[in-house]
C-alpha atoms as a PDB file:
ATOM      1  CA  UNK A   1     -10.162  -6.322  -8.781  1.00  0.00           C
ATOM      2  CA  UNK A   2      -6.704  -7.777  -9.363  1.00  0.00           C
ATOM      3  CA  UNK A   3      -3.822  -6.816  -7.036  1.00  0.00           C
ATOM      4  CA  UNK A   4      -0.166  -7.443  -7.840  1.00  0.00           C
ATOM      5  CA  UNK A   5       3.023  -6.611  -5.925  1.00  0.00           C
ATOM      6  CA  UNK A   6       5.993  -5.250  -7.861  1.00  0.00           C
ATOM      7  CA  UNK A   7       8.544  -5.079  -5.019  1.00  0.00           C
ATOM      8  CA  UNK A   8       9.180  -2.523  -2.287  1.00  0.00           C
ATOM      9  CA  UNK A   9       5.830  -0.806  -1.774  1.00  0.00           C
ATOM     10  CA  UNK A  10       4.939  -0.835  -5.471  1.00  0.00           C
ATOM     11  CA  UNK A  11       1.370  -2.128  -5.837  1.00  0.00           C
ATOM     12  CA  UNK A  12      -0.746  -2.354  -8.982  1.00  0.00           C
ATOM     13  CA  UNK A  13      -4.527  -2.619  -8.758  1.00  0.00           C
ATOM     14  CA  UNK A  14      -6.635  -3.191 -11.846  1.00  0.00           C
ATOM     15  CA  UNK A  15     -10.411  -3.243 -12.092  1.00  0.00           C
ATOM     16  CA  UNK A  16     -11.884  -3.416 -15.562  1.00  0.00           C
ATOM     17  CA  UNK A  17      -9.895  -1.107 -17.812  1.00  0.00           C
ATOM     18  CA  UNK A  18      -8.810   1.135 -14.929  1.00  0.00           C
ATOM     19  CA  UNK A  19      -5.355   0.779 -13.369  1.00  0.00           C
ATOM     20  CA  UNK A  20      -4.055   2.270 -10.112  1.00  0.00           C
ATOM     21  CA  UNK A  21      -0.399   2.332  -9.071  1.00  0.00           C
ATOM     22  CA  UNK A  22       0.713   2.879  -5.472  1.00  0.00           C
ATOM     23  CA  UNK A  23       4.277   3.969  -4.636  1.00  0.00           C
ATOM     24  CA  UNK A  24       5.889   3.115  -7.977  1.00  0.00           C
ATOM     25  CA  UNK A  25       9.640   2.617  -7.844  1.00  0.00           C
ATOM     26  CA  UNK A  26      11.598   5.350  -9.637  1.00  0.00           C
ATOM     27  CA  UNK A  27      14.297   4.604 -12.183  1.00  0.00           C
ATOM     28  CA  UNK A  28      16.607   6.500  -9.770  1.00  0.00           C
ATOM     29  CA  UNK A  29      16.038   3.851  -7.099  1.00  0.00           C
ATOM     30  CA  UNK A  30      18.385   0.931  -6.469  1.00  0.00           C
ATOM     31  CA  UNK A  31      15.319  -1.323  -6.551  1.00  0.00           C
ATOM     32  CA  UNK A  32      14.220  -2.886  -9.847  1.00  0.00           C
ATOM     33  CA  UNK A  33      11.132  -1.184 -11.205  1.00  0.00           C
ATOM     34  CA  UNK A  34       8.406  -1.868 -13.741  1.00  0.00           C
ATOM     35  CA  UNK A  35       6.802   0.249 -16.427  1.00  0.00           C
ATOM     36  CA  UNK A  36       3.152   0.202 -17.477  1.00  0.00           C
ATOM     37  CA  UNK A  37       0.270   2.569 -18.100  1.00  0.00           C
ATOM     38  CA  UNK A  38      -1.886   3.570 -15.114  1.00  0.00           C
ATOM     39  CA  UNK A  39      -4.878   5.884 -14.844  1.00  0.00           C
ATOM     40  CA  UNK A  40      -4.085   7.025 -11.302  1.00  0.00           C
ATOM     41  CA  UNK A  41      -0.760   6.971  -9.451  1.00  0.00           C
ATOM     42  CA  UNK A  42      -0.495   7.570  -5.705  1.00  0.00           C
ATOM     43  CA  UNK A  43       2.837   8.365  -4.030  1.00  0.00           C
ATOM     44  CA  UNK A  44       3.024   8.491  -0.243  1.00  0.00           C
ATOM     45  CA  UNK A  45       6.506  10.016   0.225  1.00  0.00           C
ATOM     46  CA  UNK A  46       8.997  11.865  -1.940  1.00  0.00           C
ATOM     47  CA  UNK A  47      11.691   9.198  -2.157  1.00  0.00           C
ATOM     48  CA  UNK A  48      13.042   7.386  -5.262  1.00  0.00           C
ATOM     49  CA  UNK A  49      11.804   4.048  -3.914  1.00  0.00           C
ATOM     50  CA  UNK A  50       8.231   5.368  -3.995  1.00  0.00           C
ATOM     51  CA  UNK A  51       7.917   8.384  -6.308  1.00  0.00           C
ATOM     52  CA  UNK A  52       8.403   6.906  -9.784  1.00  0.00           C
ATOM     53  CA  UNK A  53       5.369   8.629 -11.256  1.00  0.00           C
ATOM     54  CA  UNK A  54       6.864   8.688 -14.753  1.00  0.00           C
ATOM     55  CA  UNK A  55       7.122   4.873 -14.698  1.00  0.00           C
ATOM     56  CA  UNK A  56       3.349   4.477 -14.922  1.00  0.00           C
ATOM     57  CA  UNK A  57       2.587   6.810 -17.822  1.00  0.00           C
ATOM     58  CA  UNK A  58       2.958   4.625 -20.872  1.00  0.00           C
ATOM     59  CA  UNK A  59       1.369   4.398 -24.303  1.00  0.00           C
ATOM     60  CA  UNK A  60      -2.051   6.028 -24.342  1.00  0.00           C
ATOM     61  CA  UNK A  61      -2.203   6.239 -20.553  1.00  0.00           C
ATOM     62  CA  UNK A  62      -0.928   9.305 -18.733  1.00  0.00           C
ATOM     63  CA  UNK A  63      -1.460   8.786 -15.031  1.00  0.00           C
ATOM     64  CA  UNK A  64      -3.178  11.372 -12.847  1.00  0.00           C
ATOM     65  CA  UNK A  65      -0.772  11.904  -9.935  1.00  0.00           C
ATOM     66  CA  UNK A  66      -1.973  12.052  -6.328  1.00  0.00           C
ATOM     67  CA  UNK A  67       0.950  13.146  -4.154  1.00  0.00           C
ATOM     68  CA  UNK A  68      -0.338  14.481  -0.855  1.00  0.00           C
ATOM     69  CA  UNK A  69      -3.167  15.006   1.622  1.00  0.00           C
ATOM     70  CA  UNK A  70      -6.562  16.060   0.311  1.00  0.00           C
ATOM     71  CA  UNK A  71      -9.668  14.668  -1.340  1.00  0.00           C
ATOM     72  CA  UNK A  72      -9.713  13.627  -4.973  1.00  0.00           C
ATOM     73  CA  UNK A  73     -12.156  12.179  -7.468  1.00  0.00           C
ATOM     74  CA  UNK A  74     -10.643  10.808 -10.666  1.00  0.00           C
ATOM     75  CA  UNK A  75     -12.683   8.855 -13.198  1.00  0.00           C
ATOM     76  CA  UNK A  76     -15.257   7.976 -10.559  1.00  0.00           C
ATOM     77  CA  UNK A  77     -12.600   6.796  -8.095  1.00  0.00           C
ATOM     78  CA  UNK A  78     -12.719   8.501  -4.684  1.00  0.00           C
ATOM     79  CA  UNK A  79      -9.391   9.044  -2.930  1.00  0.00           C
ATOM     80  CA  UNK A  80      -8.647  10.608   0.436  1.00  0.00           C
ATOM     81  CA  UNK A  81      -5.086  11.480   1.478  1.00  0.00           C
ATOM     82  CA  UNK A  82      -4.269  11.829   5.184  1.00  0.00           C
ATOM     83  CA  UNK A  83      -1.054  13.239   6.606  1.00  0.00           C
ATOM     84  CA  UNK A  84       1.262  11.112   8.743  1.00  0.00           C
ATOM     85  CA  UNK A  85       5.024  10.757   9.026  1.00  0.00           C
ATOM     86  CA  UNK A  86       7.886   8.553   7.918  1.00  0.00           C
ATOM     87  CA  UNK A  87      11.598   8.452   8.659  1.00  0.00           C
ATOM     88  CA  UNK A  88      12.414   6.314   5.633  1.00  0.00           C
ATOM     89  CA  UNK A  89      15.782   7.250   4.173  1.00  0.00           C
ATOM     90  CA  UNK A  90      16.944   8.700   7.494  1.00  0.00           C
ATOM     91  CA  UNK A  91      14.970  11.941   7.503  1.00  0.00           C
ATOM     92  CA  UNK A  92      11.522  12.993   8.659  1.00  0.00           C
ATOM     93  CA  UNK A  93       9.133  13.065   5.728  1.00  0.00           C
ATOM     94  CA  UNK A  94       5.425  13.636   5.271  1.00  0.00           C
ATOM     95  CA  UNK A  95       3.815  10.312   4.508  1.00  0.00           C
ATOM     96  CA  UNK A  96       0.346  10.338   3.023  1.00  0.00           C
ATOM     97  CA  UNK A  97      -2.025   7.540   3.986  1.00  0.00           C
ATOM     98  CA  UNK A  98      -4.520   6.899   1.181  1.00  0.00           C
ATOM     99  CA  UNK A  99      -8.026   5.509   1.355  1.00  0.00           C
ATOM    100  CA  UNK A 100      -9.637   4.509  -1.924  1.00  0.00           C
ATOM    101  CA  UNK A 101     -13.093   3.120  -2.669  1.00  0.00           C
ATOM    102  CA  UNK A 102     -13.259   0.709  -5.610  1.00  0.00           C
ATOM    103  CA  UNK A 103     -16.045  -1.649  -6.661  1.00  0.00           C
ATOM    104  CA  UNK A 104     -17.725  -1.242  -3.274  1.00  0.00           C
ATOM    105  CA  UNK A 105     -14.517  -2.150  -1.426  1.00  0.00           C
ATOM    106  CA  UNK A 106     -12.558   0.173   0.853  1.00  0.00           C
ATOM    107  CA  UNK A 107      -8.777   0.147   0.491  1.00  0.00           C
ATOM    108  CA  UNK A 108      -6.334   1.733   2.930  1.00  0.00           C
ATOM    109  CA  UNK A 109      -2.683   2.104   1.925  1.00  0.00           C
ATOM    110  CA  UNK A 110      -0.429   3.144   4.825  1.00  0.00           C
ATOM    111  CA  UNK A 111       2.648   3.720   2.653  1.00  0.00           C
ATOM    112  CA  UNK A 112       5.912   4.337   4.530  1.00  0.00           C
ATOM    113  CA  UNK A 113       4.275   5.021   7.896  1.00  0.00           C
ATOM    114  CA  UNK A 114       6.573   4.845  10.929  1.00  0.00           C
ATOM    115  CA  UNK A 115       4.061   5.776  13.668  1.00  0.00           C
ATOM    116  CA  UNK A 116       2.758   2.877  15.807  1.00  0.00           C
ATOM    117  CA  UNK A 117      -0.587   4.668  16.125  1.00  0.00           C
ATOM    118  CA  UNK A 118      -2.509   6.578  13.496  1.00  0.00           C
ATOM    119  CA  UNK A 119      -2.516  10.379  13.782  1.00  0.00           C
ATOM    120  CA  UNK A 120      -5.828  11.560  15.215  1.00  0.00           C
ATOM    121  CA  UNK A 121      -7.139  13.002  11.952  1.00  0.00           C
ATOM    122  CA  UNK A 122      -6.374   9.795  10.067  1.00  0.00           C
ATOM    123  CA  UNK A 123      -7.841   7.642  12.828  1.00  0.00           C
ATOM    124  CA  UNK A 124     -11.096   9.605  12.709  1.00  0.00           C
ATOM    125  CA  UNK A 125     -11.249   9.595   8.904  1.00  0.00           C
ATOM    126  CA  UNK A 126     -10.540   5.898   8.342  1.00  0.00           C
ATOM    127  CA  UNK A 127     -13.767   3.986   8.758  1.00  0.00           C
ATOM    128  CA  UNK A 128     -14.436   0.449   7.599  1.00  0.00           C
ATOM    129  CA  UNK A 129     -11.432  -1.034   5.787  1.00  0.00           C
ATOM    130  CA  UNK A 130     -11.676  -4.084   3.585  1.00  0.00           C
ATOM    131  CA  UNK A 131      -8.092  -4.269   2.314  1.00  0.00           C
ATOM    132  CA  UNK A 132      -5.166  -2.813   4.269  1.00  0.00           C
ATOM    133  CA  UNK A 133      -1.620  -2.438   2.948  1.00  0.00           C
ATOM    134  CA  UNK A 134       0.826  -2.121   5.856  1.00  0.00           C
ATOM    135  CA  UNK A 135       4.630  -1.600   5.779  1.00  0.00           C
ATOM    136  CA  UNK A 136       6.485  -4.142   7.917  1.00  0.00           C
ATOM    137  CA  UNK A 137      10.192  -3.744   7.165  1.00  0.00           C
ATOM    138  CA  UNK A 138      11.427  -1.427   9.925  1.00  0.00           C
ATOM    139  CA  UNK A 139      14.374   0.819   9.015  1.00  0.00           C
ATOM    140  CA  UNK A 140      12.272   3.971   8.737  1.00  0.00           C
ATOM    141  CA  UNK A 141       8.832   2.362   8.554  1.00  0.00           C
ATOM    142  CA  UNK A 142       6.879   0.206  10.995  1.00  0.00           C
ATOM    143  CA  UNK A 143       8.663  -2.848  12.386  1.00  0.00           C
ATOM    144  CA  UNK A 144       6.822  -6.203  12.125  1.00  0.00           C
ATOM    145  CA  UNK A 145       5.329  -6.329  15.643  1.00  0.00           C
ATOM    146  CA  UNK A 146       4.125  -2.715  15.584  1.00  0.00           C
ATOM    147  CA  UNK A 147       2.818  -3.165  12.036  1.00  0.00           C
ATOM    148  CA  UNK A 148       0.697  -6.160  12.964  1.00  0.00           C
ATOM    149  CA  UNK A 149      -0.651  -4.517  16.111  1.00  0.00           C
ATOM    150  CA  UNK A 150      -1.675  -1.391  14.195  1.00  0.00           C
ATOM    151  CA  UNK A 151      -3.135  -3.410  11.323  1.00  0.00           C
ATOM    152  CA  UNK A 152      -5.380  -5.415  13.628  1.00  0.00           C
ATOM    153  CA  UNK A 153      -6.497  -2.253  15.462  1.00  0.00           C
ATOM    154  CA  UNK A 154      -7.731  -0.791  12.158  1.00  0.00           C
ATOM    155  CA  UNK A 155      -9.956  -3.844  11.723  1.00  0.00           C
ATOM    156  CA  UNK A 156      -9.570  -4.772   8.048  1.00  0.00           C
ATOM    157  CA  UNK A 157     -10.908  -7.907   6.454  1.00  0.00           C
ATOM    158  CA  UNK A 158      -7.611  -8.526   4.623  1.00  0.00           C
ATOM    159  CA  UNK A 159      -4.076  -7.428   5.562  1.00  0.00           C
ATOM    160  CA  UNK A 160      -1.414  -7.295   2.840  1.00  0.00           C
ATOM    161  CA  UNK A 161       2.152  -6.677   4.110  1.00  0.00           C
ATOM    162  CA  UNK A 162       4.389  -4.448   1.978  1.00  0.00           C
ATOM    163  CA  UNK A 163       7.943  -3.099   2.340  1.00  0.00           C
ATOM    164  CA  UNK A 164       9.622  -6.464   2.775  1.00  0.00           C
ATOM    165  CA  UNK A 165      10.651  -7.430  -0.774  1.00  0.00           C
ATOM    166  CA  UNK A 166      13.951  -5.781  -1.651  1.00  0.00           C
ATOM    167  CA  UNK A 167      13.752  -3.322   1.252  1.00  0.00           C
ATOM    168  CA  UNK A 168      13.593  -3.434   5.032  1.00  0.00           C
ATOM    169  CA  UNK A 169      14.971  -5.918   7.513  1.00  0.00           C
ATOM    170  CA  UNK A 170      15.943  -9.314   6.122  1.00  0.00           C
ATOM    171  CA  UNK A 171      13.443 -11.445   8.059  1.00  0.00           C
ATOM    172  CA  UNK A 172      10.643  -8.870   8.330  1.00  0.00           C
ATOM    173  CA  UNK A 173       8.026 -11.036   6.623  1.00  0.00           C
ATOM    174  CA  UNK A 174       8.861 -14.057   8.765  1.00  0.00           C
ATOM    175  CA  UNK A 175       8.612 -11.932  11.920  1.00  0.00           C
ATOM    176  CA  UNK A 176       5.312 -10.396  10.794  1.00  0.00           C
ATOM    177  CA  UNK A 177       3.755 -13.795  10.106  1.00  0.00           C
ATOM    178  CA  UNK A 178       4.932 -14.996  13.510  1.00  0.00           C
ATOM    179  CA  UNK A 179       3.086 -12.066  15.115  1.00  0.00           C
ATOM    180  CA  UNK A 180       0.015 -13.026  13.109  1.00  0.00           C
ATOM    181  CA  UNK A 181       0.379 -16.721  14.029  1.00  0.00           C
ATOM    182  CA  UNK A 182      -0.203 -17.438  10.372  1.00  0.00           C
ATOM    183  CA  UNK A 183       1.713 -18.897   7.448  1.00  0.00           C
ATOM    184  CA  UNK A 184      -0.310 -18.277   4.284  1.00  0.00           C
ATOM    185  CA  UNK A 185       1.004 -19.611   1.010  1.00  0.00           C
ATOM    186  CA  UNK A 186       2.360 -16.672  -1.027  1.00  0.00           C
ATOM    187  CA  UNK A 187       0.257 -15.762  -4.047  1.00  0.00           C
ATOM    188  CA  UNK A 188       1.400 -14.184  -7.314  1.00  0.00           C
ATOM    189  CA  UNK A 189      -1.725 -12.021  -7.476  1.00  0.00           C
ATOM    190  CA  UNK A 190      -4.956 -11.526  -5.575  1.00  0.00           C
ATOM    191  CA  UNK A 191      -8.260 -11.456  -7.428  1.00  0.00           C
ATOM    192  CA  UNK A 192     -11.139 -10.143  -5.331  1.00  0.00           C
ATOM    193  CA  UNK A 193     -14.825  -9.384  -5.578  1.00  0.00           C
ATOM    194  CA  UNK A 194     -16.919  -7.865  -2.806  1.00  0.00           C
ATOM    195  CA  UNK A 195     -18.494 -11.221  -1.985  1.00  0.00           C
ATOM    196  CA  UNK A 196     -15.032 -12.744  -1.412  1.00  0.00           C
ATOM    197  CA  UNK A 197     -14.640 -10.607   1.721  1.00  0.00           C
ATOM    198  CA  UNK A 198     -17.490 -12.310   3.567  1.00  0.00           C
ATOM    199  CA  UNK A 199     -16.306 -14.000   6.755  1.00  0.00           C
ATOM    200  CA  UNK A 200     -12.803 -12.559   6.606  1.00  0.00           C
ATOM    201  CA  UNK A 201     -11.330 -10.849   9.656  1.00  0.00           C
ATOM    202  CA  UNK A 202      -7.735  -9.583   9.505  1.00  0.00           C
ATOM    203  CA  UNK A 203      -6.771 -12.441   7.177  1.00  0.00           C
ATOM    204  CA  UNK A 204      -3.148 -12.053   6.037  1.00  0.00           C
ATOM    205  CA  UNK A 205      -2.421 -12.369   2.318  1.00  0.00           C
ATOM    206  CA  UNK A 206       1.209 -12.451   1.142  1.00  0.00           C
ATOM    207  CA  UNK A 207       1.792 -11.319  -2.425  1.00  0.00           C
ATOM    208  CA  UNK A 208       5.050 -12.391  -4.031  1.00  0.00           C
ATOM    209  CA  UNK A 209       6.922  -9.881  -6.137  1.00  0.00           C
ATOM    210  CA  UNK A 210       5.704 -10.283  -9.705  1.00  0.00           C
END
């Protein structure tokens, strides 16, 4: 599994020939976006910074769009969407938290969540998490301190902060790392196999914008 960060909350995950895109940036956004072919695209809120579904259908690949709560199985990939809320953009929006199982690893993508605690249904549905993507930028999503506290309570092996590159408060990443008492060297991409998770406990990984 190879994970790359494309700014904002735009995350690309590739395993073998299969590509997933989380919260792709729309061409209508003020943020710079990227275009590539994905098999599955997951959008957590209906906002130009995170709903650029057309950006990830390219060439022979037309992405299957997951855009709300429910259970999905696409090409052997199991996805669960859980309702929460966001105030990103200044209005109350439904934010969908996604859990995805890939290559024996459990991914949880919190999207534009602004609640310091998980809604009850999501809390009950989210079990063991290997890789957690958590928004840290404030301004409609979780602020750094609340983001770290929630992330640790979920109990992932790896925490990847999102919503700090190009969006959110200026020093959000610095504040988040201070909460974590950690200063990992930023990586351009993260390559993971199941065995790489052994011994990890809420380890923070910072992915630079590609």
